[in-house]
Amino acid sequence: MKDTLCGTKAMWRKDYELLAANRAYFGDFDPFGDFDLLFGAAKLNLKIVDLPIRYRERTYGTTNIRRWKHGWILLSMVLFAANRIKFV
């Protein structure tokens, strides 16, 4: 998975319902919403496909992502999930 925060996720309703039923397994501290979907899908052994996207320079506005602050949050979520899924 190269870009977990790209914002686009798709799944079948039945898979989402399974994921939602097991949501408590990883807790509810994900401020981005992607953690729950990606790691929940991995726990349920669902197929995950990473499709490349192309970024272009913004024509308006600024990003809401703060590199260091959100980076630490993402790292802690990955470590938490790795421990739960037993990657480590």
PDB file of N, CA and C in Angstrom:
ATOM      1  N   MET A   1       0.860  -1.158   0.000  1.00  0.00           N
ATOM      2  CA  MET A   1       0.000   0.000   0.000  1.00  0.00           C
ATOM      3  C   MET A   1       0.911   1.226   0.000  1.00  0.00           C
ATOM      4  N   LYS A   2       0.796   2.017  -1.021  1.00  0.00           N
ATOM      5  CA  LYS A   2       1.680   3.173  -1.147  1.00  0.00           C
ATOM      6  C   LYS A   2       1.081   4.450  -0.568  1.00  0.00           C
ATOM      7  N   ASP A   3      -0.209   4.651  -0.724  1.00  0.00           N
ATOM      8  CA  ASP A   3      -0.817   5.886  -0.245  1.00  0.00           C
ATOM      9  C   ASP A   3      -2.139   5.567   0.437  1.00  0.00           C
ATOM     10  N   THR A   4      -2.087   5.361   1.735  1.00  0.00           N
ATOM     11  CA  THR A   4      -3.291   4.958   2.463  1.00  0.00           C
ATOM     12  C   THR A   4      -4.279   6.097   2.650  1.00  0.00           C
ATOM     13  N   LEU A   5      -3.824   7.322   2.482  1.00  0.00           N
ATOM     14  CA  LEU A   5      -4.703   8.471   2.728  1.00  0.00           C
ATOM     15  C   LEU A   5      -5.211   9.120   1.452  1.00  0.00           C
ATOM     16  N   CYS A   6      -5.195   8.388   0.343  1.00  0.00           N
ATOM     17  CA  CYS A   6      -5.628   8.999  -0.916  1.00  0.00           C
ATOM     18  C   CYS A   6      -7.109   9.345  -0.894  1.00  0.00           C
ATOM     19  N   GLY A   7      -7.872   8.729  -0.011  1.00  0.00           N
ATOM     20  CA  GLY A   7      -9.263   9.128   0.167  1.00  0.00           C
ATOM     21  C   GLY A   7     -10.283   8.277  -0.546  1.00  0.00           C
ATOM     22  N   THR A   8      -9.889   7.381  -1.417  1.00  0.00           N
ATOM     23  CA  THR A   8     -10.855   6.579  -2.146  1.00  0.00           C
ATOM     24  C   THR A   8     -10.720   5.115  -1.753  1.00  0.00           C
ATOM     25  N   LYS A   9     -11.784   4.578  -1.201  1.00  0.00           N
ATOM     26  CA  LYS A   9     -11.838   3.169  -0.829  1.00  0.00           C
ATOM     27  C   LYS A   9     -13.166   2.628  -1.338  1.00  0.00           C
ATOM     28  N   ALA A  10     -13.184   1.398  -1.790  1.00  0.00           N
ATOM     29  CA  ALA A  10     -14.422   0.786  -2.264  1.00  0.00           C
ATOM     30  C   ALA A  10     -14.485  -0.654  -1.778  1.00  0.00           C
ATOM     31  N   MET A  11     -15.675  -1.077  -1.394  1.00  0.00           N
ATOM     32  CA  MET A  11     -15.859  -2.466  -0.976  1.00  0.00           C
ATOM     33  C   MET A  11     -17.322  -2.840  -1.104  1.00  0.00           C
ATOM     34  N   TRP A  12     -17.560  -4.132  -1.114  1.00  0.00           N
ATOM     35  CA  TRP A  12     -18.929  -4.620  -1.176  1.00  0.00           C
ATOM     36  C   TRP A  12     -19.613  -4.365   0.160  1.00  0.00           C
ATOM     37  N   ARG A  13     -20.913  -4.154   0.119  1.00  0.00           N
ATOM     38  CA  ARG A  13     -21.680  -3.877   1.332  1.00  0.00           C
ATOM     39  C   ARG A  13     -21.526  -5.006   2.349  1.00  0.00           C
ATOM     40  N   LYS A  14     -21.586  -6.246   1.908  1.00  0.00           N
ATOM     41  CA  LYS A  14     -21.480  -7.377   2.840  1.00  0.00           C
ATOM     42  C   LYS A  14     -20.121  -7.386   3.541  1.00  0.00           C
ATOM     43  N   ASP A  15     -19.074  -7.001   2.832  1.00  0.00           N
ATOM     44  CA  ASP A  15     -17.746  -6.926   3.443  1.00  0.00           C
ATOM     45  C   ASP A  15     -17.673  -5.783   4.441  1.00  0.00           C
ATOM     46  N   TYR A  16     -18.274  -4.648   4.102  1.00  0.00           N
ATOM     47  CA  TYR A  16     -18.285  -3.518   5.030  1.00  0.00           C
ATOM     48  C   TYR A  16     -19.050  -3.868   6.297  1.00  0.00           C
ATOM     49  N   GLU A  17     -20.160  -4.580   6.159  1.00  0.00           N
ATOM     50  CA  GLU A  17     -20.937  -4.965   7.329  1.00  0.00           C
ATOM     51  C   GLU A  17     -20.139  -5.894   8.240  1.00  0.00           C
ATOM     52  N   LEU A  18     -19.368  -6.807   7.653  1.00  0.00           N
ATOM     53  CA  LEU A  18     -18.467  -7.662   8.452  1.00  0.00           C
ATOM     54  C   LEU A  18     -17.419  -6.819   9.160  1.00  0.00           C
ATOM     55  N   LEU A  19     -16.857  -5.892   8.425  1.00  0.00           N
ATOM     56  CA  LEU A  19     -15.842  -5.013   8.979  1.00  0.00           C
ATOM     57  C   LEU A  19     -16.422  -4.178  10.125  1.00  0.00           C
ATOM     58  N   ALA A  20     -17.594  -3.615   9.922  1.00  0.00           N
ATOM     59  CA  ALA A  20     -18.226  -2.786  10.948  1.00  0.00           C
ATOM     60  C   ALA A  20     -18.555  -3.603  12.196  1.00  0.00           C
ATOM     61  N   ALA A  21     -18.943  -4.856  12.012  1.00  0.00           N
ATOM     62  CA  ALA A  21     -19.265  -5.721  13.148  1.00  0.00           C
ATOM     63  C   ALA A  21     -18.021  -6.019  13.994  1.00  0.00           C
ATOM     64  N   ASN A  22     -16.837  -5.960  13.383  1.00  0.00           N
ATOM     65  CA  ASN A  22     -15.580  -6.239  14.091  1.00  0.00           C
ATOM     66  C   ASN A  22     -14.791  -4.976  14.402  1.00  0.00           C
ATOM     67  N   ARG A  23     -15.406  -3.836  14.302  1.00  0.00           N
ATOM     68  CA  ARG A  23     -14.720  -2.549  14.450  1.00  0.00           C
ATOM     69  C   ARG A  23     -14.039  -2.388  15.805  1.00  0.00           C
ATOM     70  N   ALA A  24     -14.594  -2.935  16.853  1.00  0.00           N
ATOM     71  CA  ALA A  24     -14.037  -2.767  18.195  1.00  0.00           C
ATOM     72  C   ALA A  24     -12.657  -3.414  18.331  1.00  0.00           C
ATOM     73  N   TYR A  25     -12.315  -4.320  17.448  1.00  0.00           N
ATOM     74  CA  TYR A  25     -11.038  -5.030  17.537  1.00  0.00           C
ATOM     75  C   TYR A  25      -9.854  -4.072  17.500  1.00  0.00           C
ATOM     76  N   PHE A  26      -9.920  -3.043  16.657  1.00  0.00           N
ATOM     77  CA  PHE A  26      -8.829  -2.082  16.533  1.00  0.00           C
ATOM     78  C   PHE A  26      -9.095  -0.780  17.291  1.00  0.00           C
ATOM     79  N   GLY A  27     -10.235  -0.640  17.908  1.00  0.00           N
ATOM     80  CA  GLY A  27     -10.546   0.599  18.618  1.00  0.00           C
ATOM     81  C   GLY A  27     -11.094   1.647  17.668  1.00  0.00           C
ATOM     82  N   ASP A  28     -11.358   2.814  18.212  1.00  0.00           N
ATOM     83  CA  ASP A  28     -11.979   3.863  17.395  1.00  0.00           C
ATOM     84  C   ASP A  28     -11.191   5.174  17.467  1.00  0.00           C
ATOM     85  N   PHE A  29      -9.870   5.085  17.408  1.00  0.00           N
ATOM     86  CA  PHE A  29      -9.050   6.292  17.510  1.00  0.00           C
ATOM     87  C   PHE A  29      -8.502   6.758  16.171  1.00  0.00           C
ATOM     88  N   ASP A  30      -9.057   6.270  15.092  1.00  0.00           N
ATOM     89  CA  ASP A  30      -8.558   6.633  13.763  1.00  0.00           C
ATOM     90  C   ASP A  30      -9.153   7.960  13.302  1.00  0.00           C
ATOM     91  N   PRO A  31      -8.370   9.041  13.287  1.00  0.00           N
ATOM     92  CA  PRO A  31      -8.913  10.327  12.852  1.00  0.00           C
ATOM     93  C   PRO A  31      -9.091  10.428  11.342  1.00  0.00           C
ATOM     94  N   PHE A  32      -8.506   9.501  10.591  1.00  0.00           N
ATOM     95  CA  PHE A  32      -8.546   9.566   9.138  1.00  0.00           C
ATOM     96  C   PHE A  32      -9.618   8.663   8.536  1.00  0.00           C
ATOM     97  N   GLY A  33      -9.977   7.574   9.212  1.00  0.00           N
ATOM     98  CA  GLY A  33     -10.987   6.650   8.716  1.00  0.00           C
ATOM     99  C   GLY A  33     -10.429   5.539   7.849  1.00  0.00           C
ATOM    100  N   ASP A  34      -9.205   5.672   7.403  1.00  0.00           N
ATOM    101  CA  ASP A  34      -8.600   4.663   6.526  1.00  0.00           C
ATOM    102  C   ASP A  34      -8.064   3.467   7.302  1.00  0.00           C
ATOM    103  N   PHE A  35      -7.568   3.718   8.496  1.00  0.00           N
ATOM    104  CA  PHE A  35      -7.012   2.677   9.353  1.00  0.00           C
ATOM    105  C   PHE A  35      -8.040   1.579   9.564  1.00  0.00           C
ATOM    106  N   ASP A  36      -9.221   1.971   9.932  1.00  0.00           N
ATOM    107  CA  ASP A  36     -10.305   1.039  10.193  1.00  0.00           C
ATOM    108  C   ASP A  36     -10.607   0.178   8.969  1.00  0.00           C
ATOM    109  N   LEU A  37     -10.657   0.786   7.814  1.00  0.00           N
ATOM    110  CA  LEU A  37     -10.980   0.043   6.589  1.00  0.00           C
ATOM    111  C   LEU A  37      -9.853  -0.881   6.154  1.00  0.00           C
ATOM    112  N   LEU A  38      -8.638  -0.378   6.100  1.00  0.00           N
ATOM    113  CA  LEU A  38      -7.522  -1.173   5.588  1.00  0.00           C
ATOM    114  C   LEU A  38      -7.133  -2.321   6.517  1.00  0.00           C
ATOM    115  N   PHE A  39      -6.955  -2.025   7.795  1.00  0.00           N
ATOM    116  CA  PHE A  39      -6.559  -3.084   8.715  1.00  0.00           C
ATOM    117  C   PHE A  39      -7.714  -4.024   9.020  1.00  0.00           C
ATOM    118  N   GLY A  40      -8.933  -3.499   9.013  1.00  0.00           N
ATOM    119  CA  GLY A  40     -10.098  -4.369   9.172  1.00  0.00           C
ATOM    120  C   GLY A  40     -10.211  -5.344   8.010  1.00  0.00           C
ATOM    121  N   ALA A  41      -9.969  -4.859   6.798  1.00  0.00           N
ATOM    122  CA  ALA A  41     -10.000  -5.730   5.617  1.00  0.00           C
ATOM    123  C   ALA A  41      -8.885  -6.768   5.681  1.00  0.00           C
ATOM    124  N   ALA A  42      -7.712  -6.360   6.145  1.00  0.00           N
ATOM    125  CA  ALA A  42      -6.596  -7.309   6.273  1.00  0.00           C
ATOM    126  C   ALA A  42      -6.933  -8.386   7.304  1.00  0.00           C
ATOM    127  N   LYS A  43      -7.537  -7.996   8.421  1.00  0.00           N
ATOM    128  CA  LYS A  43      -7.905  -8.962   9.459  1.00  0.00           C
ATOM    129  C   LYS A  43      -8.922  -9.970   8.929  1.00  0.00           C
ATOM    130  N   LEU A  44      -9.833  -9.520   8.073  1.00  0.00           N
ATOM    131  CA  LEU A  44     -10.859 -10.402   7.519  1.00  0.00           C
ATOM    132  C   LEU A  44     -10.381 -11.151   6.274  1.00  0.00           C
ATOM    133  N   ASN A  45      -9.095 -10.991   5.936  1.00  0.00           N
ATOM    134  CA  ASN A  45      -8.500 -11.643   4.754  1.00  0.00           C
ATOM    135  C   ASN A  45      -9.202 -11.262   3.458  1.00  0.00           C
ATOM    136  N   LEU A  46      -9.633 -10.016   3.370  1.00  0.00           N
ATOM    137  CA  LEU A  46     -10.241  -9.533   2.129  1.00  0.00           C
ATOM    138  C   LEU A  46      -9.130  -9.129   1.172  1.00  0.00           C
ATOM    139  N   LYS A  47      -9.393  -9.238  -0.103  1.00  0.00           N
ATOM    140  CA  LYS A  47      -8.408  -8.847  -1.097  1.00  0.00           C
ATOM    141  C   LYS A  47      -8.313  -7.322  -1.154  1.00  0.00           C
ATOM    142  N   ILE A  48      -7.087  -6.812  -1.068  1.00  0.00           N
ATOM    143  CA  ILE A  48      -6.848  -5.376  -1.129  1.00  0.00           C
ATOM    144  C   ILE A  48      -6.027  -5.090  -2.379  1.00  0.00           C
ATOM    145  N   VAL A  49      -6.526  -4.191  -3.198  1.00  0.00           N
ATOM    146  CA  VAL A  49      -5.840  -3.821  -4.433  1.00  0.00           C
ATOM    147  C   VAL A  49      -5.420  -2.360  -4.332  1.00  0.00           C
ATOM    148  N   ASP A  50      -4.165  -2.098  -4.613  1.00  0.00           N
ATOM    149  CA  ASP A  50      -3.640  -0.734  -4.574  1.00  0.00           C
ATOM    150  C   ASP A  50      -3.563  -0.218  -6.006  1.00  0.00           C
ATOM    151  N   LEU A  51      -4.425   0.723  -6.331  1.00  0.00           N
ATOM    152  CA  LEU A  51      -4.421   1.313  -7.663  1.00  0.00           C
ATOM    153  C   LEU A  51      -3.664   2.635  -7.620  1.00  0.00           C
ATOM    154  N   PRO A  52      -2.717   2.835  -8.516  1.00  0.00           N
ATOM    155  CA  PRO A  52      -1.953   4.087  -8.489  1.00  0.00           C
ATOM    156  C   PRO A  52      -2.823   5.281  -8.880  1.00  0.00           C
ATOM    157  N   ILE A  53      -2.528   6.388  -8.236  1.00  0.00           N
ATOM    158  CA  ILE A  53      -3.193   7.637  -8.591  1.00  0.00           C
ATOM    159  C   ILE A  53      -2.118   8.659  -8.929  1.00  0.00           C
ATOM    160  N   ARG A  54      -2.482   9.660  -9.686  1.00  0.00           N
ATOM    161  CA  ARG A  54      -1.523  10.704 -10.059  1.00  0.00           C
ATOM    162  C   ARG A  54      -1.906  11.991  -9.361  1.00  0.00           C
ATOM    163  N   TYR A  55      -0.913  12.593  -8.747  1.00  0.00           N
ATOM    164  CA  TYR A  55      -1.132  13.869  -8.074  1.00  0.00           C
ATOM    165  C   TYR A  55      -0.679  15.002  -8.969  1.00  0.00           C
ATOM    166  N   ARG A  56      -1.371  16.088  -8.874  1.00  0.00           N
ATOM    167  CA  ARG A  56      -0.980  17.306  -9.569  1.00  0.00           C
ATOM    168  C   ARG A  56      -0.908  18.422  -8.545  1.00  0.00           C
ATOM    169  N   GLU A  57      -0.218  19.456  -8.904  1.00  0.00           N
ATOM    170  CA  GLU A  57      -0.115  20.606  -8.025  1.00  0.00           C
ATOM    171  C   GLU A  57      -1.508  21.180  -7.773  1.00  0.00           C
ATOM    172  N   ARG A  58      -1.755  21.575  -6.537  1.00  0.00           N
ATOM    173  CA  ARG A  58      -3.046  22.170  -6.186  1.00  0.00           C
ATOM    174  C   ARG A  58      -3.269  23.460  -6.955  1.00  0.00           C
ATOM    175  N   THR A  59      -4.493  23.652  -7.384  1.00  0.00           N
ATOM    176  CA  THR A  59      -4.836  24.914  -8.052  1.00  0.00           C
ATOM    177  C   THR A  59      -5.500  25.875  -7.066  1.00  0.00           C
ATOM    178  N   TYR A  60      -5.890  25.368  -5.898  1.00  0.00           N
ATOM    179  CA  TYR A  60      -6.500  26.209  -4.869  1.00  0.00           C
ATOM    180  C   TYR A  60      -6.346  25.524  -3.511  1.00  0.00           C
ATOM    181  N   GLY A  61      -6.472  26.276  -2.442  1.00  0.00           N
ATOM    182  CA  GLY A  61      -6.484  25.748  -1.085  1.00  0.00           C
ATOM    183  C   GLY A  61      -5.142  25.209  -0.615  1.00  0.00           C
ATOM    184  N   THR A  62      -5.145  24.717   0.606  1.00  0.00           N
ATOM    185  CA  THR A  62      -3.956  24.117   1.201  1.00  0.00           C
ATOM    186  C   THR A  62      -4.334  22.788   1.829  1.00  0.00           C
ATOM    187  N   THR A  63      -3.342  21.964   2.049  1.00  0.00           N
ATOM    188  CA  THR A  63      -3.583  20.654   2.638  1.00  0.00           C
ATOM    189  C   THR A  63      -3.948  20.778   4.113  1.00  0.00           C
ATOM    190  N   ASN A  64      -4.723  19.852   4.612  1.00  0.00           N
ATOM    191  CA  ASN A  64      -5.060  19.797   6.030  1.00  0.00           C
ATOM    192  C   ASN A  64      -4.173  18.814   6.774  1.00  0.00           C
ATOM    193  N   ILE A  65      -3.311  18.124   6.054  1.00  0.00           N
ATOM    194  CA  ILE A  65      -2.429  17.134   6.668  1.00  0.00           C
ATOM    195  C   ILE A  65      -1.185  17.828   7.201  1.00  0.00           C
ATOM    196  N   ARG A  66      -0.871  17.564   8.452  1.00  0.00           N
ATOM    197  CA  ARG A  66       0.342  18.083   9.090  1.00  0.00           C
ATOM    198  C   ARG A  66       1.348  16.947   9.142  1.00  0.00           C
ATOM    199  N   ARG A  67       2.445  17.098   8.430  1.00  0.00           N
ATOM    200  CA  ARG A  67       3.400  15.997   8.257  1.00  0.00           C
ATOM    201  C   ARG A  67       3.811  15.333   9.560  1.00  0.00           C
ATOM    202  N   TRP A  68       4.324  16.077  10.504  1.00  0.00           N
ATOM    203  CA  TRP A  68       4.864  15.476  11.718  1.00  0.00           C
ATOM    204  C   TRP A  68       3.768  15.008  12.660  1.00  0.00           C
ATOM    205  N   LYS A  69       2.802  15.840  12.919  1.00  0.00           N
ATOM    206  CA  LYS A  69       1.731  15.483  13.850  1.00  0.00           C
ATOM    207  C   LYS A  69       0.962  14.257  13.351  1.00  0.00           C
ATOM    208  N   HIS A  70       0.493  14.305  12.128  1.00  0.00           N
ATOM    209  CA  HIS A  70      -0.280  13.194  11.584  1.00  0.00           C
ATOM    210  C   HIS A  70       0.615  11.985  11.277  1.00  0.00           C
ATOM    211  N   GLY A  71       1.870  12.253  10.961  1.00  0.00           N
ATOM    212  CA  GLY A  71       2.812  11.155  10.733  1.00  0.00           C
ATOM    213  C   GLY A  71       2.989  10.294  11.968  1.00  0.00           C
ATOM    214  N   TRP A  72       3.113  10.936  13.135  1.00  0.00           N
ATOM    215  CA  TRP A  72       3.237  10.185  14.387  1.00  0.00           C
ATOM    216  C   TRP A  72       1.958   9.416  14.697  1.00  0.00           C
ATOM    217  N   ILE A  73       0.827  10.021  14.428  1.00  0.00           N
ATOM    218  CA  ILE A  73      -0.449   9.324  14.645  1.00  0.00           C
ATOM    219  C   ILE A  73      -0.522   8.090  13.744  1.00  0.00           C
ATOM    220  N   LEU A  74      -0.178   8.255  12.469  1.00  0.00           N
ATOM    221  CA  LEU A  74      -0.202   7.116  11.546  1.00  0.00           C
ATOM    222  C   LEU A  74       0.761   6.018  11.976  1.00  0.00           C
ATOM    223  N   LEU A  75       1.954   6.399  12.393  1.00  0.00           N
ATOM    224  CA  LEU A  75       2.929   5.412  12.841  1.00  0.00           C
ATOM    225  C   LEU A  75       2.408   4.643  14.050  1.00  0.00           C
ATOM    226  N   SER A  76       1.804   5.338  15.003  1.00  0.00           N
ATOM    227  CA  SER A  76       1.273   4.647  16.176  1.00  0.00           C
ATOM    228  C   SER A  76       0.129   3.711  15.797  1.00  0.00           C
ATOM    229  N   MET A  77      -0.696   4.107  14.834  1.00  0.00           N
ATOM    230  CA  MET A  77      -1.792   3.239  14.391  1.00  0.00           C
ATOM    231  C   MET A  77      -1.248   1.993  13.702  1.00  0.00           C
ATOM    232  N   VAL A  78      -0.206   2.148  12.896  1.00  0.00           N
ATOM    233  CA  VAL A  78       0.395   1.000  12.207  1.00  0.00           C
ATOM    234  C   VAL A  78       1.000   0.031  13.217  1.00  0.00           C
ATOM    235  N   LEU A  79       1.711   0.544  14.201  1.00  0.00           N
ATOM    236  CA  LEU A  79       2.316  -0.317  15.215  1.00  0.00           C
ATOM    237  C   LEU A  79       1.252  -1.032  16.034  1.00  0.00           C
ATOM    238  N   PHE A  80       0.188  -0.330  16.376  1.00  0.00           N
ATOM    239  CA  PHE A  80      -0.915  -0.938  17.114  1.00  0.00           C
ATOM    240  C   PHE A  80      -1.535  -2.078  16.299  1.00  0.00           C
ATOM    241  N   ALA A  81      -1.799  -1.805  15.024  1.00  0.00           N
ATOM    242  CA  ALA A  81      -2.412  -2.822  14.159  1.00  0.00           C
ATOM    243  C   ALA A  81      -1.469  -3.991  13.929  1.00  0.00           C
ATOM    244  N   ALA A  82      -0.193  -3.713  13.753  1.00  0.00           N
ATOM    245  CA  ALA A  82       0.794  -4.785  13.535  1.00  0.00           C
ATOM    246  C   ALA A  82       0.798  -5.724  14.734  1.00  0.00           C
ATOM    247  N   ASN A  83       0.683  -5.166  15.914  1.00  0.00           N
ATOM    248  CA  ASN A  83       0.638  -5.989  17.110  1.00  0.00           C
ATOM    249  C   ASN A  83      -0.638  -6.809  17.167  1.00  0.00           C
ATOM    250  N   ARG A  84      -1.758  -6.212  16.766  1.00  0.00           N
ATOM    251  CA  ARG A  84      -3.049  -6.918  16.781  1.00  0.00           C
ATOM    252  C   ARG A  84      -3.126  -8.009  15.712  1.00  0.00           C
ATOM    253  N   ILE A  85      -2.593  -7.704  14.520  1.00  0.00           N
ATOM    254  CA  ILE A  85      -2.638  -8.679  13.424  1.00  0.00           C
ATOM    255  C   ILE A  85      -1.491  -9.674  13.524  1.00  0.00           C
ATOM    256  N   LYS A  86      -0.514  -9.351  14.335  1.00  0.00           N
ATOM    257  CA  LYS A  86       0.661 -10.202  14.554  1.00  0.00           C
ATOM    258  C   LYS A  86       1.619 -10.165  13.386  1.00  0.00           C
ATOM    259  N   PHE A  87       1.808  -8.958  12.797  1.00  0.00           N
ATOM    260  CA  PHE A  87       2.826  -8.790  11.764  1.00  0.00           C
ATOM    261  C   PHE A  87       4.207  -8.930  12.367  1.00  0.00           C
ATOM    262  N   VAL A  88       4.319  -8.497  13.627  1.00  0.00           N
ATOM    263  CA  VAL A  88       5.620  -8.421  14.273  1.00  0.00           C
ATOM    264  C   VAL A  88       5.925  -9.722  14.979  1.00  0.00           C
TER     265      VAL A  88
END
